[in-house]
């Protein structure tokens, strides 16, 4: 499955962006990609929470505490660990 994972596709896209010879075009492309990835990240956090993931487990992916994850991604009323 090497080369077919979403991460591998993302790595290829990043390398394509890196090769753009125009620094301003490259910068704009990186900015737009970052914005889309941040949106995707927020959606993934919401989906993980809806699927029952705890703030502690989400924080662990980022090297954060439960509280750190809540601060980074926002909290919603739900009593979990």
Protein backbone atom coordinates (compact mmCIF):
# COMPACT_ATOMS: atom_id res chain seq x y z
CA UNK A 1 0.00 0.00 0.00
CA UNK A 2 3.07 2.21 -0.06
CA UNK A 3 2.52 5.45 -1.93
CA UNK A 4 -1.26 5.16 -1.89
CA UNK A 5 -1.96 6.42 1.60
CA UNK A 6 -3.46 9.87 2.16
CA UNK A 7 -0.25 10.88 3.92
CA UNK A 8 1.86 9.82 0.93
CA UNK A 9 -0.40 11.85 -1.38
CA UNK A 10 -0.01 14.84 0.92
CA UNK A 11 3.77 14.41 0.92
CA UNK A 12 3.75 14.45 -2.90
CA UNK A 13 1.60 17.60 -2.93
CA UNK A 14 3.99 19.32 -0.52
CA UNK A 15 6.94 18.44 -2.73
CA UNK A 16 5.09 19.84 -5.75
CA UNK A 17 4.50 23.09 -3.87
CA UNK A 18 8.13 23.19 -2.79
CA UNK A 19 9.25 23.13 -6.43
CA UNK A 20 7.23 26.21 -7.46
CA UNK A 21 9.89 28.70 -8.55
CA UNK A 22 7.85 31.81 -7.69
CA UNK A 23 8.15 32.46 -3.94
CA UNK A 24 4.94 34.52 -3.74
CA UNK A 25 2.92 31.95 -5.64
CA UNK A 26 4.42 29.22 -3.44
CA UNK A 27 3.63 31.22 -0.31
CA UNK A 28 0.02 31.76 -1.38
CA UNK A 29 -0.37 28.07 -2.19
CA UNK A 30 1.05 27.08 1.20
CA UNK A 31 -1.25 29.55 2.96
CA UNK A 32 -4.31 28.17 1.19
CA UNK A 33 -3.27 24.58 1.88
CA UNK A 34 -2.71 25.38 5.57
CA UNK A 35 -6.17 26.92 5.84
CA UNK A 36 -7.76 23.84 4.25
CA UNK A 37 -5.79 21.49 6.49
CA UNK A 38 -6.77 23.46 9.59
CA UNK A 39 -10.41 23.14 8.55
CA UNK A 40 -9.95 19.41 7.96
CA UNK A 41 -8.26 19.09 11.35
CA UNK A 42 -11.18 20.81 13.11
CA UNK A 43 -13.64 18.52 11.31
CA UNK A 44 -11.58 15.46 12.28
CA UNK A 45 -11.57 16.56 15.94
CA UNK A 46 -15.35 17.03 15.85
CA UNK A 47 -15.77 13.61 14.21
CA UNK A 48 -13.46 11.97 16.74
CA UNK A 49 -15.39 13.54 19.60
CA UNK A 50 -18.71 12.48 18.07
CA UNK A 51 -17.31 8.93 17.80
CA UNK A 52 -16.51 8.96 21.51
CA UNK A 53 -12.83 9.97 21.56
CA UNK A 54 -11.82 11.72 24.76
CA UNK A 55 -9.93 14.98 24.95
CA UNK A 56 -7.17 12.98 26.64
CA UNK A 57 -6.81 10.66 23.62
CA UNK A 58 -6.90 13.58 21.18
CA UNK A 59 -4.36 15.47 23.26
CA UNK A 60 -2.06 12.44 23.25
CA UNK A 61 -1.84 12.64 19.45
CA UNK A 62 -0.46 16.17 19.79
CA UNK A 63 1.63 15.71 22.92
CA UNK A 64 -0.91 17.77 24.85
CA UNK A 65 -2.80 17.23 28.05
CA UNK A 66 -6.57 16.87 28.06
CA UNK A 67 -6.78 20.55 28.98
CA UNK A 68 -4.32 21.50 26.25
CA UNK A 69 -6.42 19.74 23.63
CA UNK A 70 -9.58 21.42 24.90
CA UNK A 71 -7.89 24.82 24.73
CA UNK A 72 -6.51 24.19 21.26
CA UNK A 73 -9.68 22.80 19.70
CA UNK A 74 -12.44 24.22 21.87
CA UNK A 75 -14.66 22.51 24.34
CA UNK A 76 -18.23 21.44 24.22
CA UNK A 77 -20.30 20.35 27.17
CA UNK A 78 -19.58 16.70 27.74
CA UNK A 79 -18.32 14.99 30.83
CA UNK A 80 -15.44 12.79 29.78
CA UNK A 81 -11.90 12.06 30.80
